[in-house]
N, C-alpha and C. Protein backbone atom coordinates (compact mmCIF):
# COMPACT_ATOMS: atom_id res chain seq x y z
N MET A 1 21.83 -34.27 24.33
CA MET A 1 21.27 -33.53 24.49
C MET A 1 20.25 -32.95 25.39
N THR A 2 20.73 -31.60 26.23
CA THR A 2 19.54 -31.53 27.63
C THR A 2 19.48 -29.38 27.40
N ALA A 3 17.99 -29.31 27.87
CA ALA A 3 17.88 -28.03 27.23
C ALA A 3 18.69 -27.25 28.49
N ASP A 4 19.43 -27.72 29.49
CA ASP A 4 20.38 -26.78 30.56
C ASP A 4 21.72 -27.07 29.97
N THR A 5 22.37 -26.44 29.17
CA THR A 5 23.89 -26.20 28.75
C THR A 5 23.82 -26.13 30.21
N GLY A 6 24.48 -25.93 31.54
CA GLY A 6 25.48 -25.53 31.76
C GLY A 6 26.35 -24.64 31.87
N ARG A 7 25.32 -23.54 30.87
CA ARG A 7 26.24 -22.07 31.08
C ARG A 7 25.06 -21.13 31.84
N THR A 8 26.08 -19.81 31.50
CA THR A 8 25.60 -18.68 32.90
C THR A 8 25.16 -17.64 31.93
N GLY A 9 24.83 -16.40 32.36
CA GLY A 9 24.22 -15.29 31.96
C GLY A 9 23.10 -14.69 32.73
N ARG A 10 23.06 -13.47 32.03
CA ARG A 10 21.56 -12.82 32.56
C ARG A 10 20.28 -13.06 32.26
N PRO A 11 19.81 -13.31 33.40
CA PRO A 11 18.09 -14.10 33.24
C PRO A 11 17.89 -13.37 32.69
N ASP A 12 17.20 -12.20 32.18
CA ASP A 12 16.60 -12.08 31.02
C ASP A 12 17.35 -11.80 30.10
N LYS A 13 18.53 -11.72 29.56
CA LYS A 13 18.85 -11.89 28.07
C LYS A 13 18.36 -13.38 27.58
N ARG A 14 18.16 -13.68 28.90
CA ARG A 14 18.08 -15.13 28.08
C ARG A 14 16.99 -15.53 28.06
N ARG A 15 15.46 -15.28 28.80
CA ARG A 15 13.94 -15.07 28.26
C ARG A 15 13.91 -14.12 27.18
N ALA A 16 14.71 -13.28 27.06
CA ALA A 16 14.82 -12.30 25.78
C ALA A 16 15.28 -13.16 24.14
N ILE A 17 15.82 -13.97 24.50
CA ILE A 17 16.85 -14.78 23.71
C ILE A 17 15.78 -16.19 22.98
N VAL A 18 15.65 -16.34 24.39
CA VAL A 18 13.82 -17.85 24.15
C VAL A 18 12.65 -17.46 23.36
N ARG A 19 12.22 -16.29 23.88
CA ARG A 19 11.08 -15.26 23.44
C ARG A 19 11.42 -15.55 21.91
N ALA A 20 12.50 -14.82 21.54
CA ALA A 20 13.04 -14.82 20.13
C ALA A 20 13.15 -15.42 19.23
N ALA A 21 13.82 -17.13 19.92
CA ALA A 21 13.74 -18.08 19.40
C ALA A 21 12.63 -18.16 19.32
N ASN A 22 11.99 -18.84 19.77
CA ASN A 22 10.28 -19.40 19.62
C ASN A 22 9.81 -18.49 18.55
N PHE A 23 9.54 -17.21 18.46
CA PHE A 23 9.43 -16.51 17.23
C PHE A 23 9.96 -16.92 16.25
N VAL A 24 11.40 -16.95 15.69
CA VAL A 24 11.97 -16.98 14.39
C VAL A 24 12.09 -18.50 14.23
N PHE A 25 11.67 -19.61 15.18
CA PHE A 25 12.01 -20.81 14.30
C PHE A 25 10.13 -21.46 14.28
N GLY A 26 9.00 -20.53 14.89
CA GLY A 26 7.95 -20.60 14.42
C GLY A 26 7.75 -19.63 12.60
N ARG A 27 8.10 -18.58 12.48
CA ARG A 27 8.37 -18.43 11.47
C ARG A 27 9.39 -18.53 10.27
N ASP A 28 10.18 -19.22 10.33
CA ASP A 28 11.47 -19.91 9.54
C ASP A 28 11.38 -21.54 9.49
N GLY A 29 10.92 -22.25 10.51
CA GLY A 29 10.86 -23.66 10.53
C GLY A 29 12.60 -23.90 11.75
N PHE A 30 12.89 -24.94 11.92
CA PHE A 30 13.62 -25.42 12.64
C PHE A 30 15.39 -25.46 11.86
N THR A 31 14.61 -26.08 10.57
CA THR A 31 15.68 -25.79 9.70
C THR A 31 16.90 -25.19 9.22
N ARG A 32 15.43 -24.03 8.76
CA ARG A 32 15.87 -22.84 8.22
C ARG A 32 16.79 -21.55 8.97
N ALA A 33 16.48 -21.18 10.71
CA ALA A 33 16.21 -20.66 11.71
C ALA A 33 17.93 -20.44 11.82
N THR A 34 18.15 -19.58 11.64
CA THR A 34 19.64 -19.38 12.23
C THR A 34 20.09 -18.05 13.20
N VAL A 35 21.23 -18.58 13.79
CA VAL A 35 21.41 -17.93 15.26
C VAL A 35 21.69 -16.41 14.93
N ASP A 36 21.87 -16.22 13.61
CA ASP A 36 22.18 -15.04 13.06
C ASP A 36 20.63 -14.40 13.26
N ALA A 37 19.85 -15.08 13.29
CA ALA A 37 17.96 -14.41 12.61
C ALA A 37 17.83 -13.87 14.42
N ILE A 38 18.16 -15.38 15.28
CA ILE A 38 17.46 -14.81 16.48
C ILE A 38 18.52 -13.92 16.97
N ALA A 39 19.87 -13.61 16.80
CA ALA A 39 20.62 -12.27 17.56
C ALA A 39 19.45 -11.37 17.66
N ARG A 40 19.29 -10.99 15.70
CA ARG A 40 19.05 -9.85 15.68
C ARG A 40 17.61 -9.63 16.20
N GLU A 41 16.77 -10.22 15.88
CA GLU A 41 15.34 -10.24 16.56
C GLU A 41 15.54 -10.46 18.38
N ALA A 42 16.45 -11.29 18.75
CA ALA A 42 16.38 -10.84 20.20
C ALA A 42 17.41 -8.78 20.92
N GLY A 43 18.11 -9.00 19.93
CA GLY A 43 19.01 -7.25 19.31
C GLY A 43 19.84 -7.52 20.93
N VAL A 44 20.28 -9.39 20.56
CA VAL A 44 21.25 -9.56 21.21
C VAL A 44 22.52 -10.14 20.43
N SER A 45 23.87 -10.04 20.78
CA SER A 45 25.26 -10.23 19.61
C SER A 45 25.35 -12.32 19.60
N LYS A 46 26.01 -12.87 18.86
CA LYS A 46 26.07 -14.21 18.91
C LYS A 46 26.37 -14.91 19.90
N LYS A 47 27.44 -13.64 20.11
CA LYS A 47 28.52 -14.47 21.49
C LYS A 47 27.50 -14.25 22.88
N THR A 48 26.59 -13.51 23.22
CA THR A 48 25.82 -13.69 24.08
C THR A 48 24.57 -15.07 24.23
N ILE A 49 24.44 -14.92 22.90
CA ILE A 49 23.41 -16.42 22.35
C ILE A 49 24.15 -17.51 23.28
N TYR A 50 25.59 -17.74 22.85
CA TYR A 50 26.55 -19.16 23.23
C TYR A 50 26.78 -18.51 24.73
N ASN A 51 26.72 -17.30 25.10
CA ASN A 51 27.58 -17.19 26.48
C ASN A 51 25.95 -18.04 27.59
N HIS A 52 24.72 -18.31 26.82
CA HIS A 52 23.54 -19.13 27.09
C HIS A 52 23.57 -20.43 26.84
N PHE A 53 23.52 -20.92 25.46
CA PHE A 53 22.85 -22.14 24.85
C PHE A 53 24.14 -22.72 23.92
N ALA A 54 24.45 -23.66 24.31
CA ALA A 54 25.88 -24.75 23.61
C ALA A 54 25.36 -24.43 22.07
N ASP A 55 23.96 -24.74 21.23
CA ASP A 55 23.90 -24.54 19.72
C ASP A 55 22.39 -24.43 19.64
N LYS A 56 22.20 -24.77 18.16
CA LYS A 56 20.76 -23.63 17.84
C LYS A 56 19.56 -25.02 18.57
N GLU A 57 20.30 -26.02 18.38
CA GLU A 57 19.32 -27.15 18.91
C GLU A 57 18.68 -27.24 20.53
N ALA A 58 19.85 -26.69 21.44
CA ALA A 58 19.57 -26.48 22.61
C ALA A 58 18.32 -25.59 23.32
N LEU A 59 18.45 -24.60 22.06
CA LEU A 59 18.05 -23.24 21.89
C LEU A 59 16.30 -23.68 21.37
N PHE A 60 16.11 -24.36 21.11
CA PHE A 60 15.55 -25.11 20.40
C PHE A 60 14.69 -25.84 21.69
N LEU A 61 15.07 -26.58 22.13
CA LEU A 61 14.71 -27.25 23.15
C LEU A 61 14.59 -26.48 24.65
N THR A 62 15.06 -25.50 24.28
CA THR A 62 14.78 -24.82 25.63
C THR A 62 13.71 -24.22 25.21
N GLY A 63 13.18 -23.73 24.42
CA GLY A 63 12.13 -22.89 24.38
C GLY A 63 10.98 -23.92 23.75
N ALA A 64 11.06 -25.13 23.62
CA ALA A 64 9.70 -26.10 23.44
C ALA A 64 9.83 -26.32 24.86
N LEU A 65 10.37 -26.54 25.64
CA LEU A 65 9.89 -27.48 26.99
C LEU A 65 9.47 -26.15 28.02
N GLU A 66 10.43 -25.09 27.72
CA GLU A 66 9.36 -24.07 29.19
C GLU A 66 8.35 -23.93 28.50
N ALA A 67 7.89 -23.35 26.94
CA ALA A 67 6.49 -23.28 26.07
C ALA A 67 5.36 -24.17 27.36
N SER A 68 5.69 -25.60 26.48
CA SER A 68 5.22 -27.08 26.97
C SER A 68 4.94 -27.13 28.83
N ARG A 69 5.92 -27.20 29.46
CA ARG A 69 5.59 -27.31 30.67
C ARG A 69 4.61 -26.20 31.32
N GLU A 70 4.53 -24.73 31.01
CA GLU A 70 3.85 -23.48 31.33
C GLU A 70 2.39 -24.17 30.75
N LEU A 71 2.24 -24.60 29.95
CA LEU A 71 0.89 -25.39 29.21
C LEU A 71 0.92 -26.45 30.30
N SER A 72 1.63 -27.30 30.14
CA SER A 72 1.23 -28.28 31.13
C SER A 72 0.65 -27.96 31.98
N GLU A 73 1.25 -27.35 33.00
CA GLU A 73 0.88 -26.63 34.02
C GLU A 73 -0.58 -25.92 33.90
N GLU A 74 -0.88 -25.41 33.15
CA GLU A 74 -2.12 -24.46 32.72
C GLU A 74 -3.34 -25.26 32.26
N ILE A 75 -2.52 -27.06 31.52
CA ILE A 75 -4.13 -27.44 31.21
C ILE A 75 -4.55 -28.57 32.67
N THR A 76 -3.82 -28.75 33.50
CA THR A 76 -3.47 -30.11 35.17
C THR A 76 -4.79 -28.40 35.71
N ALA A 77 -4.39 -27.78 35.42
CA ALA A 77 -5.36 -26.71 36.99
C ALA A 77 -6.39 -26.30 36.35
N LEU A 78 -6.91 -26.58 34.94
CA LEU A 78 -8.17 -26.68 33.94
C LEU A 78 -8.78 -27.72 34.39
N ALA A 79 -8.05 -28.98 34.02
CA ALA A 79 -8.10 -30.38 35.03
C ALA A 79 -8.83 -30.44 35.75
N ASP A 80 -7.78 -29.89 37.03
CA ASP A 80 -8.47 -30.23 38.13
C ASP A 80 -9.38 -28.68 38.77
N ARG A 81 -9.90 -28.00 37.92
CA ARG A 81 -11.24 -26.67 38.25
C ARG A 81 -11.94 -27.26 37.41
N HIS A 82 -12.31 -28.42 36.86
CA HIS A 82 -13.35 -28.68 35.54
C HIS A 82 -14.01 -30.39 35.97
N LEU A 83 -13.15 -31.08 36.31
CA LEU A 83 -13.18 -32.30 36.40
C LEU A 83 -13.20 -32.82 38.10
N HIS A 84 -12.78 -32.03 38.78
CA HIS A 84 -12.50 -33.03 39.93
C HIS A 84 -14.07 -33.09 41.55
N LYS A 85 -14.69 -32.22 41.06
CA LYS A 85 -16.37 -32.20 41.63
C LYS A 85 -17.38 -31.79 40.50
N ILE A 86 -17.41 -32.91 40.32
CA ILE A 86 -18.69 -32.87 38.97
C ILE A 86 -19.70 -33.44 39.18
N VAL A 87 -20.77 -32.07 38.84
CA VAL A 87 -22.52 -31.80 39.21
C VAL A 87 -22.97 -32.52 37.74
N ASP A 88 -22.70 -31.89 36.61
CA ASP A 88 -23.13 -32.19 35.72
C ASP A 88 -21.77 -32.51 34.08
N LEU A 89 -21.67 -34.13 34.32
CA LEU A 89 -20.43 -34.50 32.99
C LEU A 89 -20.26 -33.87 32.47
N GLU A 90 -21.43 -34.11 31.54
CA GLU A 90 -21.25 -33.62 30.15
C GLU A 90 -21.23 -32.30 30.17
N ALA A 91 -21.76 -30.83 31.09
CA ALA A 91 -21.41 -30.15 30.67
C ALA A 91 -20.04 -29.49 31.35
N GLU A 92 -18.88 -30.24 32.57
CA GLU A 92 -18.10 -29.69 32.67
C GLU A 92 -16.64 -30.60 31.54
N LEU A 93 -17.19 -31.48 30.99
CA LEU A 93 -16.43 -32.25 29.87
C LEU A 93 -16.50 -31.15 28.46
N ILE A 94 -17.52 -30.65 28.47
CA ILE A 94 -17.73 -29.59 27.48
C ILE A 94 -16.68 -28.34 28.00
N ASP A 95 -16.83 -27.70 29.37
CA ASP A 95 -16.19 -26.54 29.53
C ASP A 95 -14.64 -26.85 29.49
N PHE A 96 -14.00 -28.34 30.21
CA PHE A 96 -12.81 -28.43 29.90
C PHE A 96 -12.35 -27.68 28.56
N GLY A 97 -13.58 -28.96 27.33
CA GLY A 97 -12.07 -28.83 26.13
C GLY A 97 -11.99 -27.80 26.03
N VAL A 98 -13.06 -26.97 25.87
CA VAL A 98 -13.11 -25.64 25.19
C VAL A 98 -12.38 -24.42 26.07
N ASP A 99 -11.90 -25.23 27.42
CA ASP A 99 -10.90 -23.92 28.37
C ASP A 99 -9.17 -24.11 27.58
N ARG A 100 -9.49 -25.77 27.89
CA ARG A 100 -8.09 -26.07 27.34
C ARG A 100 -7.67 -26.27 25.53
N THR A 101 -8.33 -25.88 24.38
CA THR A 101 -8.36 -25.75 23.48
C THR A 101 -8.34 -24.37 23.50
N ARG A 102 -9.03 -23.67 23.92
CA ARG A 102 -8.28 -21.88 24.11
C ARG A 102 -7.19 -21.65 24.78
N ALA A 103 -6.49 -22.40 25.42
CA ALA A 103 -5.79 -22.45 26.16
C ALA A 103 -4.11 -22.84 25.30
N VAL A 104 -4.28 -24.28 24.98
CA VAL A 104 -3.61 -24.55 23.82
C VAL A 104 -3.37 -23.56 22.64
N LEU A 105 -4.06 -23.50 22.47
CA LEU A 105 -3.92 -21.87 20.32
C LEU A 105 -4.15 -20.75 20.75
N GLY A 106 -4.41 -20.57 22.27
CA GLY A 106 -4.32 -19.02 22.89
C GLY A 106 -2.53 -18.39 23.25
N ARG A 107 -1.98 -19.95 23.09
CA ARG A 107 -0.06 -19.88 23.76
C ARG A 107 0.32 -19.26 22.50
N ASP A 108 0.94 -18.49 21.82
CA ASP A 108 1.69 -17.53 20.43
C ASP A 108 2.86 -19.05 20.73
N ASP A 109 3.28 -18.77 21.52
CA ASP A 109 4.83 -18.91 21.54
C ASP A 109 4.53 -20.98 21.33
N HIS A 110 4.07 -21.51 22.64
CA HIS A 110 3.90 -22.92 22.13
C HIS A 110 3.09 -23.61 21.15
N ALA A 111 2.20 -22.65 20.57
CA ALA A 111 1.23 -22.79 19.02
C ALA A 111 2.08 -22.90 17.97
N ALA A 112 3.36 -21.99 18.09
CA ALA A 112 4.78 -20.99 16.94
C ALA A 112 5.66 -23.02 17.12
N ILE A 113 5.74 -23.43 18.43
CA ILE A 113 6.74 -24.05 18.44
C ILE A 113 5.78 -25.77 17.99
N ALA A 114 4.75 -26.04 18.54
CA ALA A 114 4.20 -27.22 18.09
C ALA A 114 4.25 -27.48 16.13
N ARG A 115 3.48 -25.80 15.73
CA ARG A 115 3.96 -25.84 14.51
C ARG A 115 4.94 -26.58 13.22
N THR A 116 5.96 -26.13 14.33
CA THR A 116 7.31 -26.20 13.51
C THR A 116 8.16 -28.20 13.64
N ILE A 117 7.09 -28.39 14.84
CA ILE A 117 7.80 -29.60 14.78
C ILE A 117 7.21 -30.46 14.01
N ARG A 118 6.19 -30.08 14.15
CA ARG A 118 4.94 -31.25 12.74
C ARG A 118 5.41 -30.98 11.57
N ALA A 119 5.81 -29.43 11.38
CA ALA A 119 6.35 -29.62 10.20
C ALA A 119 7.10 -30.44 9.83
N GLU A 120 8.28 -30.24 11.15
CA GLU A 120 9.37 -30.63 10.70
C GLU A 120 10.29 -31.87 11.25
N VAL A 121 8.98 -32.42 11.49
CA VAL A 121 9.20 -33.74 12.34
C VAL A 121 10.83 -34.41 11.97
N THR A 122 10.67 -34.60 10.68
CA THR A 122 11.69 -35.71 9.93
C THR A 122 13.33 -35.32 10.32
N HIS A 123 13.78 -33.50 10.28
CA HIS A 123 14.60 -33.47 10.72
C HIS A 123 15.15 -32.74 11.94
N LEU A 124 14.04 -33.01 12.99
CA LEU A 124 14.78 -33.10 14.15
C LEU A 124 15.42 -33.54 14.82
N PRO A 125 15.87 -33.56 15.60
CA PRO A 125 16.99 -34.56 16.44
C PRO A 125 16.23 -35.50 17.83
N LYS A 126 16.15 -36.82 17.42
CA LYS A 126 14.77 -37.39 18.26
C LYS A 126 14.55 -37.00 19.20
N GLU A 127 15.62 -36.68 20.24
CA GLU A 127 15.10 -36.06 21.42
C GLU A 127 14.98 -34.73 21.93
N ILE A 128 14.74 -34.58 21.28
CA ILE A 128 13.55 -32.80 21.25
C ILE A 128 11.82 -33.37 20.72
N LEU A 129 12.08 -34.10 20.28
CA LEU A 129 10.44 -34.81 19.69
C LEU A 129 10.12 -35.42 20.85
N ASP A 130 11.34 -36.71 21.49
CA ASP A 130 10.52 -37.36 22.56
C ASP A 130 10.17 -35.63 24.13
N ALA A 131 12.09 -35.72 23.91
CA ALA A 131 11.45 -34.73 25.27
C ALA A 131 10.19 -33.81 25.65
N TRP A 132 9.60 -32.96 23.89
CA TRP A 132 8.37 -32.59 24.03
C TRP A 132 7.31 -32.94 23.70
N MET A 133 7.52 -34.13 23.33
CA MET A 133 6.01 -35.51 23.73
C MET A 133 5.85 -35.60 25.14
N GLU A 134 7.06 -35.72 26.00
CA GLU A 134 6.75 -36.37 27.32
C GLU A 134 6.54 -35.28 28.08
N THR A 135 6.99 -34.06 27.95
CA THR A 135 6.71 -32.76 28.73
C THR A 135 5.35 -32.07 28.22
N GLY A 136 4.77 -32.33 27.23
CA GLY A 136 3.77 -31.60 26.91
C GLY A 136 2.52 -33.06 26.74
N PRO A 137 2.26 -33.19 24.96
CA PRO A 137 1.04 -33.86 25.04
C PRO A 137 1.12 -34.97 26.18
N LEU A 138 1.76 -35.87 25.98
CA LEU A 138 2.13 -36.87 26.99
C LEU A 138 1.91 -36.75 28.57
N HIS A 139 2.31 -35.53 29.11
CA HIS A 139 1.76 -35.42 30.30
C HIS A 139 0.51 -35.15 30.10
N SER A 140 0.06 -34.26 29.71
CA SER A 140 -0.85 -33.82 29.64
C SER A 140 -2.27 -35.12 29.51
N ARG A 141 -2.37 -36.07 28.74
CA ARG A 141 -3.15 -37.10 28.46
C ARG A 141 -3.35 -38.00 29.73
N ARG A 142 -1.46 -37.87 30.39
CA ARG A 142 -1.73 -38.49 31.65
C ARG A 142 -2.80 -38.09 32.29
N VAL A 143 -2.44 -36.81 33.01
CA VAL A 143 -3.12 -35.50 33.59
C VAL A 143 -4.67 -35.80 33.30
N VAL A 144 -5.07 -36.17 32.38
CA VAL A 144 -6.68 -35.86 32.51
C VAL A 144 -7.28 -37.56 32.28
N ALA A 145 -6.07 -38.47 32.10
CA ALA A 145 -6.51 -39.96 32.60
C ALA A 145 -6.38 -40.34 33.90
N GLU A 146 -5.75 -39.68 34.80
CA GLU A 146 -5.51 -39.57 36.12
C GLU A 146 -7.46 -39.36 36.92
N HIS A 147 -7.69 -38.10 36.05
CA HIS A 147 -9.33 -37.73 36.15
C HIS A 147 -10.53 -38.42 35.47
N PHE A 148 -9.83 -39.04 34.40
CA PHE A 148 -10.53 -40.10 33.75
C PHE A 148 -11.06 -41.43 35.29
N ARG A 149 -10.01 -41.96 35.95
CA ARG A 149 -9.47 -43.22 36.07
C ARG A 149 -10.88 -42.98 38.25
N ALA A 150 -10.83 -41.04 38.10
CA ALA A 150 -11.64 -41.10 38.93
C ALA A 150 -12.74 -40.60 38.70
N LEU A 151 -13.43 -40.97 38.02
CA LEU A 151 -14.51 -40.73 37.08
C LEU A 151 -15.30 -42.14 36.83
N LYS A 152 -14.25 -43.08 36.47
CA LYS A 152 -14.96 -44.45 36.80
C LYS A 152 -14.85 -45.01 37.79
N ALA A 153 -13.92 -44.35 39.10
CA ALA A 153 -14.47 -45.02 40.41
C ALA A 153 -15.46 -44.21 40.96
N LYS A 154 -15.91 -42.97 40.58
CA LYS A 154 -17.50 -42.52 40.67
C LYS A 154 -19.01 -43.31 39.41
N GLY A 155 -18.24 -44.15 38.83
CA GLY A 155 -19.46 -44.93 38.33
C GLY A 155 -20.09 -44.03 36.87
N LEU A 156 -19.29 -42.51 36.03
CA LEU A 156 -19.42 -41.36 35.87
C LEU A 156 -18.95 -42.29 34.31
N LEU A 157 -18.12 -43.43 34.44
CA LEU A 157 -17.24 -43.20 32.95
C LEU A 157 -17.33 -44.87 33.00
N VAL A 158 -17.05 -45.33 31.66
CA VAL A 158 -16.78 -46.37 31.89
C VAL A 158 -15.39 -47.22 30.40
N PHE A 159 -14.59 -47.41 30.87
CA PHE A 159 -13.29 -48.08 29.84
C PHE A 159 -12.53 -48.56 30.73
N ASP A 160 -11.59 -49.44 29.82
CA ASP A 160 -10.72 -50.91 30.12
C ASP A 160 -9.33 -49.98 30.24
N ASP A 161 -9.03 -48.40 29.67
CA ASP A 161 -7.60 -48.13 28.93
C ASP A 161 -8.20 -46.89 29.19
N ALA A 162 -7.60 -45.98 30.20
CA ALA A 162 -7.60 -44.37 30.61
C ALA A 162 -7.22 -43.92 29.86
N GLU A 163 -5.66 -43.51 29.36
CA GLU A 163 -4.75 -43.08 28.47
C GLU A 163 -5.50 -43.42 27.24
N LYS A 164 -5.81 -44.41 26.84
CA LYS A 164 -6.28 -44.70 25.23
C LYS A 164 -8.43 -43.34 25.35
N ALA A 165 -9.07 -43.65 26.17
CA ALA A 165 -9.77 -42.53 26.75
C ALA A 165 -9.47 -41.29 26.38
N SER A 166 -8.37 -40.92 27.08
CA SER A 166 -8.30 -39.36 27.11
C SER A 166 -7.40 -38.89 26.33
N ALA A 167 -6.98 -39.96 25.46
CA ALA A 167 -6.73 -39.76 23.61
C ALA A 167 -7.84 -39.45 22.91
N HIS A 168 -9.16 -40.34 23.25
CA HIS A 168 -9.84 -40.28 22.10
C HIS A 168 -10.98 -38.82 22.70
N TYR A 169 -10.80 -38.33 24.15
CA TYR A 169 -11.57 -37.20 24.48
C TYR A 169 -10.78 -36.21 23.77
N THR A 170 -9.48 -36.21 23.35
CA THR A 170 -8.63 -34.91 22.78
C THR A 170 -8.73 -34.85 21.59
N LEU A 171 -8.76 -36.32 20.75
CA LEU A 171 -9.23 -36.75 19.17
C LEU A 171 -10.31 -36.07 18.81
N LEU A 172 -11.16 -35.80 20.33
CA LEU A 172 -13.30 -35.30 19.76
C LEU A 172 -12.98 -33.77 19.65
N THR A 173 -12.28 -33.58 20.49
CA THR A 173 -12.55 -32.16 21.00
C THR A 173 -11.61 -31.19 20.94
N PHE A 174 -10.13 -31.36 21.01
CA PHE A 174 -9.10 -30.56 20.56
C PHE A 174 -9.04 -30.48 18.84
N THR A 175 -9.01 -31.56 18.62
CA THR A 175 -7.95 -32.35 17.37
C THR A 175 -8.81 -31.55 16.35
N PRO A 176 -10.60 -31.72 16.24
CA PRO A 176 -10.66 -30.50 14.94
C PRO A 176 -10.39 -29.60 14.71
N VAL A 177 -10.15 -28.51 16.05
CA VAL A 177 -9.66 -27.09 15.80
C VAL A 177 -8.55 -26.90 15.65
N ALA A 178 -7.97 -28.08 16.25
CA ALA A 178 -6.67 -27.31 15.76
C ALA A 178 -5.82 -27.67 14.63
N GLU A 179 -6.85 -28.55 13.85
CA GLU A 179 -6.32 -29.00 12.24
C GLU A 179 -7.35 -27.33 11.16
N ARG A 180 -8.17 -27.47 11.59
CA ARG A 180 -9.11 -26.08 10.67
C ARG A 180 -8.31 -25.07 10.95
N THR A 181 -7.70 -25.14 12.00
CA THR A 181 -6.65 -23.46 12.92
C THR A 181 -5.44 -23.64 12.05
N PHE A 182 -4.41 -24.71 11.81
CA PHE A 182 -3.77 -24.93 11.22
C PHE A 182 -2.66 -24.78 12.88
N PHE A 183 -3.39 -25.21 13.88
CA PHE A 183 -2.54 -25.93 15.40
C PHE A 183 -2.69 -23.82 15.77
N GLY A 184 -3.52 -22.78 14.76
CA GLY A 184 -4.05 -21.93 15.50
C GLY A 184 -3.39 -20.32 14.87
N ALA A 185 -2.59 -20.92 13.69
CA ALA A 185 -1.85 -19.81 12.68
C ALA A 185 -3.31 -18.90 12.43
N LEU A 186 -4.46 -20.01 12.51
CA LEU A 186 -5.88 -19.07 11.55
C LEU A 186 -6.86 -19.06 12.79
N PRO A 187 -8.15 -17.91 12.73
CA PRO A 187 -8.78 -17.56 13.82
C PRO A 187 -9.67 -18.64 13.70
N PHE A 188 -10.21 -18.70 15.14
CA PHE A 188 -11.39 -19.76 15.43
C PHE A 188 -12.47 -19.03 15.95
N GLU A 189 -13.55 -19.13 15.49
CA GLU A 189 -14.77 -18.66 15.49
C GLU A 189 -15.58 -19.07 17.41
N GLU A 190 -15.98 -18.18 18.10
CA GLU A 190 -16.23 -18.76 19.85
C GLU A 190 -17.45 -19.39 19.38
N ARG A 191 -18.09 -19.61 18.73
CA ARG A 191 -19.13 -20.65 18.40
C ARG A 191 -19.09 -21.49 17.96
N GLU A 192 -17.81 -21.64 16.82
CA GLU A 192 -17.53 -22.87 16.55
C GLU A 192 -16.93 -23.62 17.26
N LEU A 193 -15.84 -23.00 18.40
CA LEU A 193 -15.72 -23.78 18.74
C LEU A 193 -16.10 -25.07 20.38
N VAL A 194 -17.14 -24.26 20.89
CA VAL A 194 -18.33 -24.63 21.65
C VAL A 194 -18.96 -26.00 20.91
N GLU A 195 -19.36 -25.32 19.74
CA GLU A 195 -19.56 -26.39 19.01
C GLU A 195 -19.49 -27.17 19.08
N THR A 196 -17.81 -27.66 17.74
CA THR A 196 -16.98 -28.97 18.21
C THR A 196 -16.69 -29.56 19.22
N THR A 197 -16.82 -28.81 20.24
CA THR A 197 -16.36 -29.05 21.67
C THR A 197 -17.46 -29.93 21.99
N THR A 198 -18.51 -29.98 22.28
CA THR A 198 -20.30 -29.94 22.55
C THR A 198 -20.01 -31.73 21.13
N GLU A 199 -19.96 -31.72 19.90
CA GLU A 199 -19.98 -32.60 19.19
C GLU A 199 -19.22 -33.36 19.70
N GLY A 200 -18.07 -33.02 20.14
CA GLY A 200 -16.75 -34.05 20.53
C GLY A 200 -17.21 -35.06 22.00
N VAL A 201 -17.29 -33.81 23.16
CA VAL A 201 -17.76 -34.25 24.03
C VAL A 201 -18.86 -35.18 24.47
N ARG A 202 -20.62 -35.32 23.43
CA ARG A 202 -21.14 -36.18 22.86
C ARG A 202 -20.80 -37.67 21.95
N MET A 203 -20.31 -37.12 21.45
CA MET A 203 -19.76 -39.11 21.04
C MET A 203 -18.87 -39.09 22.07
N PHE A 204 -17.83 -38.79 22.98
CA PHE A 204 -16.92 -39.16 24.04
C PHE A 204 -18.03 -40.03 24.87
N LEU A 205 -18.83 -39.50 25.52
CA LEU A 205 -20.10 -39.68 26.23
C LEU A 205 -20.74 -41.52 25.62
N ARG A 206 -20.67 -41.06 24.28
CA ARG A 206 -21.64 -41.91 23.70
C ARG A 206 -20.35 -43.55 23.96
N LEU A 207 -19.09 -42.49 23.24
CA LEU A 207 -18.75 -45.09 23.90
C LEU A 207 -17.72 -44.54 24.92
N TYR A 208 -17.98 -44.28 25.90
CA TYR A 208 -17.49 -44.87 27.28
C TYR A 208 -18.43 -43.60 28.44
N GLY A 209 -19.58 -43.29 28.50
CA GLY A 209 -20.38 -42.90 29.43
C GLY A 209 -21.24 -43.99 30.27
N ALA A 210 -21.89 -44.24 31.93
CA ALA A 210 -21.86 -44.64 32.06
C ALA A 210 -23.40 -45.58 31.88
């Protein structure tokens, strides 16, 4: 299964279908969501959906990958902004962590898909899970790891495994907020976000700071 079904159709209709699908999948879950419900939300017929996508799985995969790619591009830009030229390592790690959490939890389409994947992980085809992980979380982990390697070369960080250090950074700065908000379903206070990220960064630097 791939996101590219090889089918044709108007780009504006396709975008409307993907947006509607992400909403319905986020609301109903992958298993209970139906093409009928997606068609109603998009204001199109089932035939129009099948002109663009082979089946529900292809539609879910397309929405998941497009949302994760867009988010990964944003995270890459944030990492380049905060982790390229370092003046104050702790401050930049805090700022990057805060901005990344805002970006991830602030994108309703991606957050809805992520909640669906976590809730229905045992019901989703493996190729969907693998593709989403590769395009989203694993890609972002590698982006941060590459910046960490550069920081190690400058003598600012110490570690044996850059990707493990990147994973620990995420665990300490992003995961607590994601869990408390059920991956963006509940609101979070800006003060809490900054405090949680600051605590996480200071713990990270106790582990990996030079």
